Amino acid sequence: MDPEKPLEHILGIPVVETYSTGTVTGLPEPEVGTHLIVSIQTYIAANGRFDLLVPHGAVRDSKTNRILHCAGFCRPMLDFTILAGDYPRRMK
């Protein structure tokens, strides 16, 4: 399968399939008080490590629509069992 060939188009926007080995390399060991800003793909592959943050809320230039910065960061919920009281996951 050609990863660049769209599987379909939604409202004229191509939808492609991506694939990952699920292995993250090069991240330093977690350290209390230190956070790393990573892509959502890295966050998922690292299984939502407590020290990883994902950019959230793109702030765009009103004329060019280019992303200027993010409004904040998030920790996406990957496991809905954490709703039972295990969130936020923190290093003990």
N, C-alpha and C. Protein backbone atom coordinates (compact mmCIF):
# COMPACT_ATOMS: atom_id res chain seq x y z
N MET A 1 0.85 -1.18 0.00
CA MET A 1 0.00 0.00 0.00
C MET A 1 0.89 1.24 0.00
N ASP A 2 0.55 2.19 -0.83
CA ASP A 2 1.29 3.46 -0.92
C ASP A 2 0.78 4.39 0.18
N PRO A 3 1.64 4.73 1.18
CA PRO A 3 1.18 5.57 2.29
C PRO A 3 0.80 6.98 1.86
N GLU A 4 1.25 7.41 0.70
CA GLU A 4 0.92 8.76 0.24
C GLU A 4 -0.35 8.79 -0.60
N LYS A 5 -0.84 7.62 -1.00
CA LYS A 5 -2.05 7.57 -1.81
C LYS A 5 -3.26 7.63 -0.89
N PRO A 6 -4.13 8.62 -1.10
CA PRO A 6 -5.30 8.75 -0.23
C PRO A 6 -6.20 7.52 -0.28
N LEU A 7 -6.69 7.12 0.88
CA LEU A 7 -7.66 6.03 0.97
C LEU A 7 -9.03 6.51 0.51
N GLU A 8 -9.27 7.79 0.79
CA GLU A 8 -10.53 8.43 0.43
C GLU A 8 -10.35 9.93 0.55
N HIS A 9 -11.39 10.64 0.20
CA HIS A 9 -11.40 12.10 0.37
C HIS A 9 -12.66 12.46 1.16
N ILE A 10 -12.50 13.32 2.13
CA ILE A 10 -13.64 13.82 2.90
C ILE A 10 -13.68 15.32 2.69
N LEU A 11 -14.77 15.78 2.10
CA LEU A 11 -14.92 17.19 1.76
C LEU A 11 -13.75 17.69 0.92
N GLY A 12 -13.24 16.82 0.05
CA GLY A 12 -12.15 17.18 -0.83
C GLY A 12 -10.77 17.10 -0.20
N ILE A 13 -10.71 16.69 1.05
CA ILE A 13 -9.43 16.60 1.76
C ILE A 13 -8.98 15.14 1.76
N PRO A 14 -7.73 14.88 1.30
CA PRO A 14 -7.27 13.49 1.25
C PRO A 14 -7.06 12.90 2.64
N VAL A 15 -7.44 11.65 2.80
CA VAL A 15 -7.25 10.90 4.04
C VAL A 15 -6.27 9.77 3.72
N VAL A 16 -5.11 9.79 4.38
CA VAL A 16 -4.11 8.76 4.16
C VAL A 16 -3.98 7.88 5.39
N GLU A 17 -3.44 6.71 5.20
CA GLU A 17 -3.22 5.80 6.32
C GLU A 17 -1.78 5.95 6.77
N THR A 18 -1.57 6.07 8.08
CA THR A 18 -0.21 6.14 8.59
C THR A 18 0.08 4.88 9.38
N TYR A 19 1.33 4.64 9.59
CA TYR A 19 1.74 3.43 10.27
C TYR A 19 2.94 3.75 11.15
N SER A 20 2.97 3.13 12.29
CA SER A 20 4.08 3.34 13.21
C SER A 20 4.49 2.02 13.81
N THR A 21 5.75 1.90 14.12
CA THR A 21 6.23 0.69 14.80
C THR A 21 5.85 0.71 16.27
N GLY A 22 5.43 1.88 16.75
CA GLY A 22 5.06 2.01 18.15
C GLY A 22 6.25 2.12 19.08
N THR A 23 7.41 2.30 18.51
CA THR A 23 8.63 2.40 19.30
C THR A 23 9.12 3.84 19.30
N VAL A 24 9.39 4.36 20.48
CA VAL A 24 9.93 5.71 20.60
C VAL A 24 11.39 5.58 21.01
N THR A 25 12.26 6.28 20.30
CA THR A 25 13.68 6.27 20.65
C THR A 25 14.13 7.71 20.85
N GLY A 26 15.12 7.89 21.68
CA GLY A 26 15.72 9.20 21.85
C GLY A 26 15.13 10.07 22.93
N LEU A 27 14.07 9.63 23.60
CA LEU A 27 13.51 10.43 24.70
C LEU A 27 14.36 10.21 25.96
N PRO A 28 14.69 11.28 26.65
CA PRO A 28 15.41 11.09 27.91
C PRO A 28 14.49 10.44 28.95
N GLU A 29 15.08 9.88 29.97
CA GLU A 29 14.29 9.28 31.05
C GLU A 29 13.45 10.37 31.72
N PRO A 30 12.25 10.02 32.21
CA PRO A 30 11.42 11.00 32.92
C PRO A 30 12.16 11.60 34.11
N GLU A 31 11.92 12.88 34.33
CA GLU A 31 12.56 13.60 35.43
C GLU A 31 11.51 14.50 36.08
N VAL A 32 11.37 14.42 37.38
CA VAL A 32 10.39 15.24 38.09
C VAL A 32 10.65 16.71 37.80
N GLY A 33 9.60 17.44 37.44
CA GLY A 33 9.70 18.87 37.17
C GLY A 33 10.08 19.20 35.74
N THR A 34 10.31 18.19 34.91
CA THR A 34 10.66 18.43 33.50
C THR A 34 9.58 17.85 32.61
N HIS A 35 9.14 18.64 31.66
CA HIS A 35 8.14 18.19 30.69
C HIS A 35 8.71 18.33 29.29
N LEU A 36 8.32 17.41 28.42
CA LEU A 36 8.76 17.43 27.03
C LEU A 36 7.55 17.65 26.13
N ILE A 37 7.67 18.53 25.16
CA ILE A 37 6.58 18.80 24.21
C ILE A 37 6.83 17.90 23.01
N VAL A 38 5.85 17.03 22.72
CA VAL A 38 5.99 16.05 21.65
C VAL A 38 4.73 16.04 20.78
N SER A 39 4.83 15.38 19.65
CA SER A 39 3.67 15.22 18.77
C SER A 39 2.70 14.21 19.39
N ILE A 40 1.46 14.23 18.93
CA ILE A 40 0.48 13.27 19.42
C ILE A 40 0.92 11.85 19.11
N GLN A 41 1.58 11.65 17.97
CA GLN A 41 2.05 10.32 17.59
C GLN A 41 3.08 9.80 18.61
N THR A 42 3.99 10.66 19.02
CA THR A 42 5.00 10.27 20.01
C THR A 42 4.33 9.99 21.35
N TYR A 43 3.38 10.83 21.73
CA TYR A 43 2.67 10.65 23.00
C TYR A 43 1.99 9.29 23.04
N ILE A 44 1.30 8.94 21.96
CA ILE A 44 0.59 7.66 21.91
C ILE A 44 1.58 6.50 21.95
N ALA A 45 2.65 6.60 21.15
CA ALA A 45 3.64 5.52 21.12
C ALA A 45 4.34 5.35 22.47
N ALA A 46 4.48 6.45 23.22
CA ALA A 46 5.12 6.38 24.54
C ALA A 46 4.12 6.03 25.63
N ASN A 47 2.91 5.68 25.21
CA ASN A 47 1.85 5.25 26.12
C ASN A 47 1.49 6.30 27.15
N GLY A 48 1.47 7.58 26.71
CA GLY A 48 1.03 8.65 27.59
C GLY A 48 1.90 8.89 28.79
N ARG A 49 3.20 8.83 28.60
CA ARG A 49 4.13 9.07 29.70
C ARG A 49 3.80 10.38 30.40
N PHE A 50 3.86 10.40 31.74
CA PHE A 50 3.42 11.55 32.53
C PHE A 50 4.13 12.86 32.20
N ASP A 51 5.35 12.79 31.70
CA ASP A 51 6.13 14.01 31.48
C ASP A 51 5.97 14.58 30.07
N LEU A 52 5.14 13.94 29.24
CA LEU A 52 4.96 14.40 27.87
C LEU A 52 3.72 15.26 27.73
N LEU A 53 3.86 16.34 26.98
CA LEU A 53 2.75 17.25 26.70
C LEU A 53 2.60 17.39 25.19
N VAL A 54 1.36 17.60 24.75
CA VAL A 54 1.05 17.75 23.33
C VAL A 54 0.51 19.16 23.12
N PRO A 55 0.97 19.87 22.07
CA PRO A 55 0.41 21.20 21.78
C PRO A 55 -1.10 21.12 21.60
N HIS A 56 -1.80 22.15 22.08
CA HIS A 56 -3.27 22.16 22.01
C HIS A 56 -3.77 23.57 21.72
N GLY A 57 -4.74 23.69 20.86
CA GLY A 57 -5.35 24.98 20.58
C GLY A 57 -4.49 25.88 19.71
N ALA A 58 -4.38 25.56 18.45
CA ALA A 58 -3.55 26.35 17.54
C ALA A 58 -4.07 27.79 17.44
N VAL A 59 -3.17 28.74 17.57
CA VAL A 59 -3.48 30.17 17.38
C VAL A 59 -2.94 30.55 16.01
N ARG A 60 -3.83 31.05 15.15
CA ARG A 60 -3.47 31.30 13.75
C ARG A 60 -3.42 32.78 13.42
N ASP A 61 -2.59 33.11 12.44
CA ASP A 61 -2.54 34.46 11.87
C ASP A 61 -3.84 34.69 11.12
N SER A 62 -4.52 35.80 11.40
CA SER A 62 -5.84 36.05 10.80
C SER A 62 -5.77 36.29 9.29
N LYS A 63 -4.63 36.70 8.79
CA LYS A 63 -4.50 36.96 7.35
C LYS A 63 -4.04 35.74 6.56
N THR A 64 -3.07 35.02 7.09
CA THR A 64 -2.49 33.89 6.34
C THR A 64 -2.98 32.54 6.81
N ASN A 65 -3.63 32.51 7.97
CA ASN A 65 -4.11 31.28 8.59
C ASN A 65 -2.98 30.35 9.02
N ARG A 66 -1.76 30.84 9.01
CA ARG A 66 -0.62 30.05 9.48
C ARG A 66 -0.65 29.95 10.99
N ILE A 67 -0.22 28.81 11.50
CA ILE A 67 -0.16 28.62 12.95
C ILE A 67 0.99 29.45 13.51
N LEU A 68 0.68 30.28 14.51
CA LEU A 68 1.68 31.12 15.17
C LEU A 68 2.25 30.44 16.42
N HIS A 69 1.33 29.89 17.21
CA HIS A 69 1.72 29.20 18.44
C HIS A 69 0.52 28.44 18.95
N CYS A 70 0.70 27.72 20.04
CA CYS A 70 -0.44 27.01 20.62
C CYS A 70 -0.91 27.75 21.87
N ALA A 71 -2.18 27.59 22.16
CA ALA A 71 -2.77 28.26 23.31
C ALA A 71 -2.39 27.57 24.62
N GLY A 72 -2.01 26.32 24.52
CA GLY A 72 -1.65 25.56 25.71
C GLY A 72 -1.18 24.17 25.34
N PHE A 73 -1.16 23.31 26.32
CA PHE A 73 -0.74 21.93 26.13
C PHE A 73 -1.78 21.00 26.73
N CYS A 74 -1.76 19.75 26.30
CA CYS A 74 -2.70 18.79 26.87
C CYS A 74 -2.02 17.45 27.07
N ARG A 75 -2.69 16.63 27.86
CA ARG A 75 -2.32 15.23 28.04
C ARG A 75 -3.54 14.43 27.58
N PRO A 76 -3.53 13.99 26.33
CA PRO A 76 -4.70 13.25 25.82
C PRO A 76 -4.95 11.98 26.64
N MET A 77 -6.21 11.70 26.88
CA MET A 77 -6.57 10.49 27.62
C MET A 77 -6.53 9.31 26.65
N LEU A 78 -5.70 8.33 26.93
CA LEU A 78 -5.57 7.17 26.07
C LEU A 78 -6.31 5.96 26.62
N ASP A 79 -6.63 5.97 27.89
CA ASP A 79 -7.23 4.83 28.53
C ASP A 79 -8.41 5.32 29.36
N PHE A 80 -9.60 4.97 28.94
CA PHE A 80 -10.78 5.51 29.62
C PHE A 80 -10.98 4.92 31.00
N THR A 81 -10.21 3.92 31.38
CA THR A 81 -10.32 3.41 32.75
C THR A 81 -9.77 4.42 33.74
N ILE A 82 -9.00 5.39 33.27
CA ILE A 82 -8.47 6.41 34.18
C ILE A 82 -9.58 7.32 34.70
N LEU A 83 -10.73 7.29 34.06
CA LEU A 83 -11.85 8.10 34.53
C LEU A 83 -12.34 7.62 35.90
N ALA A 84 -11.90 6.43 36.28
CA ALA A 84 -12.32 5.87 37.57
C ALA A 84 -11.50 6.41 38.73
N GLY A 85 -10.70 7.45 38.50
CA GLY A 85 -9.99 8.07 39.61
C GLY A 85 -8.49 8.03 39.51
N ASP A 86 -7.94 7.57 38.42
CA ASP A 86 -6.49 7.47 38.27
C ASP A 86 -5.94 8.61 37.45
N TYR A 87 -6.65 9.71 37.29
CA TYR A 87 -6.19 10.82 36.47
C TYR A 87 -6.05 12.05 37.34
N PRO A 88 -5.05 12.90 37.21
CA PRO A 88 -3.97 12.75 36.25
C PRO A 88 -2.93 11.75 36.75
N ARG A 89 -2.30 11.08 35.79
CA ARG A 89 -1.24 10.13 36.14
C ARG A 89 0.00 10.93 36.51
N ARG A 90 0.49 10.72 37.67
CA ARG A 90 1.65 11.47 38.14
C ARG A 90 2.71 10.53 38.67
N MET A 91 3.93 11.00 38.59
CA MET A 91 5.03 10.21 39.13
C MET A 91 4.97 10.28 40.65
N LYS A 92 5.08 9.16 41.26
CA LYS A 92 5.02 9.12 42.73
C LYS A 92 6.39 9.08 43.32
